[in-house]
Protein backbone atom coordinates (compact mmCIF):
# COMPACT_ATOMS: atom_id res chain seq x y z
CA UNK A 1 2.30 1.12 -3.63
CA UNK A 2 5.86 0.08 -3.24
CA UNK A 3 8.56 1.98 -1.37
CA UNK A 4 8.82 5.77 -1.53
CA UNK A 5 11.94 5.57 -3.70
CA UNK A 6 10.26 3.09 -6.04
CA UNK A 7 7.18 5.29 -6.42
CA UNK A 8 9.33 8.23 -7.38
CA UNK A 9 11.32 6.04 -9.78
CA UNK A 10 8.10 5.08 -11.56
CA UNK A 11 7.15 8.71 -12.05
CA UNK A 12 10.63 9.46 -13.40
CA UNK A 13 10.31 6.50 -15.77
CA UNK A 14 7.05 7.86 -17.15
CA UNK A 15 8.51 11.33 -17.61
CA UNK A 16 11.62 9.92 -19.28
CA UNK A 17 9.61 7.90 -21.78
CA UNK A 18 7.41 10.94 -22.42
CA UNK A 19 10.44 12.96 -23.30
CA UNK A 20 11.82 10.25 -25.55
CA UNK A 21 8.46 9.73 -27.24
CA UNK A 22 7.51 13.22 -27.31
CA UNK A 23 -3.76 -27.13 -7.01
CA UNK A 24 -4.27 -27.11 -3.37
CA UNK A 25 -7.26 -24.93 -2.84
CA UNK A 26 -10.66 -24.29 -4.30
CA UNK A 27 -12.55 -21.07 -3.62
CA UNK A 28 -16.21 -20.35 -3.10
CA UNK A 29 -17.05 -16.66 -2.59
CA UNK A 30 -13.44 -15.89 -1.74
CA UNK A 31 -12.97 -18.52 0.98
CA UNK A 32 -10.22 -21.08 0.48
CA UNK A 33 -10.89 -24.71 1.31
CA UNK A 34 -8.71 -27.84 1.05
CA UNK A 35 -9.10 -29.88 -2.10
CA UNK A 36 -10.53 -33.31 -1.40
CA UNK A 37 -7.80 -35.86 -0.68
CA UNK A 38 -4.92 -33.41 -0.62
CA UNK A 39 -2.75 -32.66 2.40
CA UNK A 40 -0.53 -29.73 1.46
CA UNK A 41 2.35 -29.02 3.78
CA UNK A 42 3.02 -25.45 4.93
CA UNK A 43 6.20 -23.95 3.53
CA UNK A 44 8.56 -21.63 5.37
CA UNK A 45 12.05 -20.15 5.46
CA UNK A 46 14.36 -19.76 2.49
CA UNK A 47 12.10 -21.94 0.35
CA UNK A 48 9.68 -19.06 -0.21
CA UNK A 49 12.29 -17.21 -2.28
CA UNK A 50 11.62 -19.81 -4.98
CA UNK A 51 8.05 -18.51 -5.22
CA UNK A 52 9.19 -15.18 -6.69
CA UNK A 53 9.17 -15.20 -10.49
CA UNK A 54 12.38 -14.46 -12.36
CA UNK A 55 12.88 -12.29 -15.43
CA UNK A 56 12.31 -15.16 -17.83
CA UNK A 57 8.97 -16.10 -16.25
CA UNK A 58 7.73 -12.51 -16.17
CA UNK A 59 8.81 -11.98 -19.76
CA UNK A 60 6.83 -15.03 -20.84
CA UNK A 61 3.70 -13.80 -19.07
CA UNK A 62 3.91 -10.14 -20.15
CA UNK A 63 5.91 -10.47 -23.39
CA UNK A 64 8.41 -7.72 -22.58
CA UNK A 65 11.90 -7.69 -21.06
CA UNK A 66 12.61 -6.80 -17.43
CA UNK A 67 15.64 -5.98 -15.33
CA UNK A 68 16.49 -5.41 -11.68
CA UNK A 69 17.97 -2.22 -10.25
CA UNK A 70 20.78 -2.23 -7.67
CA UNK A 71 18.97 0.32 -5.52
CA UNK A 72 15.98 -2.04 -5.19
CA UNK A 73 17.51 -5.44 -4.31
CA UNK A 74 15.35 -8.49 -3.51
CA UNK A 75 14.55 -8.78 0.19
CA UNK A 76 14.00 -11.79 2.45
CA UNK A 77 13.44 -11.99 6.17
CA UNK A 78 10.75 -11.70 8.80
CA UNK A 79 7.94 -9.19 9.20
CA UNK A 80 10.49 -6.35 9.30
CA UNK A 81 10.70 -6.71 5.51
CA UNK A 82 7.08 -5.65 5.08
CA UNK A 83 6.67 -2.35 3.22
CA UNK A 84 6.04 1.10 4.55
CA UNK A 85 3.49 3.10 2.60
CA UNK A 86 4.75 6.05 0.56
CA UNK A 87 3.40 8.40 3.21
CA UNK A 88 0.46 8.77 5.61
CA UNK A 89 -2.55 7.13 3.96
CA UNK A 90 -6.13 8.33 4.17
CA UNK A 91 -8.26 6.33 4.62
CA UNK A 92 -5.76 4.12 6.43
CA UNK A 93 -7.89 0.97 6.11
CA UNK A 94 -7.34 0.98 2.34
CA UNK A 95 -3.53 1.16 2.41
CA UNK A 96 -3.23 -2.57 1.67
CA UNK A 97 -4.90 -2.10 -1.71
CA UNK A 98 -2.43 0.56 -2.84
CA UNK A 99 0.76 -0.78 -1.19
CA UNK A 100 2.29 -4.21 -1.81
CA UNK A 101 2.94 -6.08 1.46
CA UNK A 102 1.84 -3.03 3.43
CA UNK A 103 3.15 -3.19 6.98
CA UNK A 104 -0.03 -1.67 8.40
CA UNK A 105 -2.26 -4.10 6.49
CA UNK A 106 -0.39 -7.14 7.86
CA UNK A 107 -0.01 -5.65 11.36
CA UNK A 108 -2.36 -8.08 13.11
CA UNK A 109 -1.20 -11.16 11.18
CA UNK A 110 1.25 -13.74 12.52
CA UNK A 111 3.69 -13.28 9.62
CA UNK A 112 6.66 -15.66 9.70
CA UNK A 113 8.57 -15.03 6.46
CA UNK A 114 8.60 -12.30 3.83
CA UNK A 115 10.21 -12.25 0.37
CA UNK A 116 9.80 -9.50 -2.21
CA UNK A 117 11.36 -8.17 -5.39
CA UNK A 118 10.81 -5.39 -7.92
CA UNK A 119 11.38 -5.71 -11.66
CA UNK A 120 11.70 -2.74 -14.03
CA UNK A 121 11.07 -2.34 -17.75
CA UNK A 122 14.24 -2.97 -19.76
CA UNK A 123 13.24 -0.86 -22.77
CA UNK A 124 11.05 2.15 -23.41
CA UNK A 125 8.51 0.99 -25.99
CA UNK A 126 6.65 -1.34 -23.63
CA UNK A 127 3.41 -1.39 -21.65
CA UNK A 128 4.62 -2.09 -18.11
CA UNK A 129 6.81 0.16 -15.96
CA UNK A 130 7.39 -2.26 -13.09
CA UNK A 131 6.29 -5.46 -11.41
CA UNK A 132 6.43 -5.81 -7.63
CA UNK A 133 5.98 -9.32 -6.28
CA UNK A 134 5.96 -10.57 -2.72
CA UNK A 135 5.05 -13.59 -0.63
CA UNK A 136 4.40 -14.04 3.07
CA UNK A 137 4.05 -17.20 5.11
CA UNK A 138 1.82 -17.67 8.12
CA UNK A 139 1.94 -20.50 10.68
CA UNK A 140 -0.96 -22.48 9.19
CA UNK A 141 -3.22 -22.61 6.16
CA UNK A 142 -6.10 -21.60 8.43
CA UNK A 143 -4.22 -18.43 9.37
CA UNK A 144 -3.69 -17.60 5.70
CA UNK A 145 -7.35 -18.34 4.93
CA UNK A 146 -8.49 -15.97 7.69
CA UNK A 147 -6.19 -13.18 6.53
CA UNK A 148 -7.32 -13.57 2.91
CA UNK A 149 -10.94 -13.32 4.05
CA UNK A 150 -10.11 -10.17 6.03
CA UNK A 151 -8.38 -8.57 3.04
CA UNK A 152 -11.29 -9.49 0.78
CA UNK A 153 -13.70 -7.69 3.09
CA UNK A 154 -11.41 -4.65 3.40
CA UNK A 155 -10.81 -4.36 -0.34
CA UNK A 156 -14.54 -4.60 -1.09
CA UNK A 157 -15.20 -1.78 1.36
CA UNK A 158 -12.49 0.28 -0.39
CA UNK A 159 -13.94 -0.18 -3.88
CA UNK A 160 -14.55 3.30 -5.33
CA UNK A 161 -12.39 4.99 -2.68
CA UNK A 162 -9.64 7.53 -3.39
CA UNK A 163 -6.62 6.92 -1.13
CA UNK A 164 -4.42 9.94 -0.52
CA UNK A 165 -0.71 9.37 0.19
CA UNK A 166 1.13 12.45 1.37
CA UNK A 167 4.87 12.65 0.71
CA UNK A 168 7.54 15.31 1.07
CA UNK A 169 8.39 15.34 -2.66
CA UNK A 170 5.13 14.25 -4.27
CA UNK A 171 1.71 13.19 -3.12
CA UNK A 172 -0.53 10.61 -4.77
CA UNK A 173 -4.26 10.14 -5.17
CA UNK A 174 -5.00 6.45 -5.81
CA UNK A 175 -8.50 5.57 -7.00
CA UNK A 176 -9.53 1.97 -6.30
CA UNK A 177 -11.97 0.19 -8.61
CA UNK A 178 -13.10 -3.20 -9.91
CA UNK A 179 -12.48 -5.20 -6.72
CA UNK A 180 -13.26 -8.87 -7.31
CA UNK A 181 -12.45 -12.36 -5.98
CA UNK A 182 -12.15 -15.53 -8.05
CA UNK A 183 -10.15 -18.76 -7.89
CA UNK A 184 -8.31 -17.86 -4.66
CA UNK A 185 -7.22 -14.45 -6.00
CA UNK A 186 -8.36 -11.05 -4.77
CA UNK A 187 -7.84 -8.35 -7.41
CA UNK A 188 -8.39 -4.65 -7.96
CA UNK A 189 -7.46 -1.85 -10.34
CA UNK A 190 -5.85 1.35 -9.05
CA UNK A 191 -5.45 4.65 -10.90
CA UNK A 192 -2.28 6.16 -9.45
CA UNK A 193 -2.26 9.95 -9.90
CA UNK A 194 0.89 11.84 -8.83
CA UNK A 195 0.55 15.47 -7.76
CA UNK A 196 2.97 16.64 -10.46
CA UNK A 197 1.29 19.17 -12.80
CA UNK A 198 0.56 17.74 -16.23
CA UNK A 199 1.17 14.14 -15.19
CA UNK A 200 -1.19 11.38 -16.28
CA UNK A 201 -2.49 8.69 -13.92
CA UNK A 202 -0.73 5.34 -14.05
CA UNK A 203 -3.00 2.27 -14.27
CA UNK A 204 -2.03 -0.34 -11.67
CA UNK A 205 -3.17 -3.96 -11.46
CA UNK A 206 -3.23 -5.45 -7.95
CA UNK A 207 -3.70 -9.03 -6.80
CA UNK A 208 -3.36 -11.10 -3.64
CA UNK A 209 -3.45 -14.88 -3.99
CA UNK A 210 -3.97 -17.60 -1.38
CA UNK A 211 -2.24 -20.96 -1.43
CA UNK A 212 -1.62 -23.27 1.55
CA UNK A 213 -0.14 -21.07 4.33
CA UNK A 214 1.00 -18.32 1.96
CA UNK A 215 -0.30 -15.11 0.49
CA UNK A 216 1.28 -13.78 -2.68
CA UNK A 217 1.06 -10.02 -3.27
CA UNK A 218 1.45 -8.59 -6.79
CA UNK A 219 1.44 -5.14 -8.39
CA UNK A 220 1.82 -4.39 -12.10
CA UNK A 221 2.20 -0.70 -12.97
CA UNK A 222 1.52 0.48 -16.51
CA UNK A 223 2.62 3.56 -18.41
CA UNK A 224 -0.21 6.08 -18.35
CA UNK A 225 -0.11 6.75 -22.10
CA UNK A 226 0.69 3.59 -24.03
CA UNK A 227 2.40 3.86 -27.37
CA UNK A 228 0.47 2.03 -30.11
CA UNK A 229 3.69 0.19 -30.88
CA UNK A 230 4.41 -0.60 -27.23
CA UNK A 231 5.68 -4.14 -26.86
CA UNK A 232 3.94 -6.63 -24.63
CA UNK A 233 0.67 -8.38 -23.93
CA UNK A 234 0.11 -7.01 -20.42
CA UNK A 235 -3.46 -6.15 -19.51
CA UNK A 236 -4.54 -4.20 -16.45
CA UNK A 237 -7.50 -6.55 -15.94
CA UNK A 238 -5.57 -9.82 -15.98
CA UNK A 239 -1.79 -9.48 -15.65
CA UNK A 240 -1.48 -9.25 -11.85
CA UNK A 241 -3.87 -12.20 -11.56
CA UNK A 242 -1.80 -14.24 -14.03
CA UNK A 243 1.38 -13.55 -12.08
CA UNK A 244 -0.32 -14.43 -8.80
CA UNK A 245 -1.48 -17.77 -10.21
CA UNK A 246 2.02 -18.58 -11.47
CA UNK A 247 3.42 -17.92 -7.98
CA UNK A 248 0.65 -19.99 -6.40
CA UNK A 249 1.46 -22.89 -8.72
CA UNK A 250 5.04 -22.81 -7.45
CA UNK A 251 3.79 -22.93 -3.85
CA UNK A 252 1.78 -26.03 -4.72
CA UNK A 253 4.91 -27.66 -6.12
CA UNK A 254 6.89 -26.83 -2.98
CA UNK A 255 4.26 -27.86 -0.44
């Protein structure tokens, strides 16, 4: 879903805790349309880095602390900053559901700018392992609208599909479910099952939001077995959507 190293880091995080515990658019049917009377301006360049939420904003939304890791620094640039999948994906058309800012999913899009960042849980007794957030800009709002419509169609076709990602260290079987579109946000739930014997699947909330000429791309990964005392209000049905809307609100302020 994120980079190969980040996927492995999530699995290690689960194992470690186990040991310790032992306004600019309106949407109809997924299509974005300009709000009457508004003329949002496309945003581009360094400005999109402001769209990424910081630790304080994420903590307010999910009610748990987060931190960054030096080995996963924030990235900004052109389409070269799009993500590679963990390994060869089958079926390939569903890779965009299980990989944030998947290079193959955005291959045909006229991507101008890319910004992304990963946040990690800062304590063990929490619900969320990590949050991956990204934003891409396209030349026009119409380009972003068309890409969102394409993703919506692809994700709906992938609903109920198991995506296999083959890696040299581990492989993953990601089951896609509950694909839906509402209020300019495309969302899905993924059950991320590593090939490690005895491991539990990790619930993952996915969302892509549309605002002006931008798409925001969000992934929230949960611990597979939550502790009853685990801190936080994160919910696999709503948290990625909430984060996407917060990022979209920032785009509206910048445009």
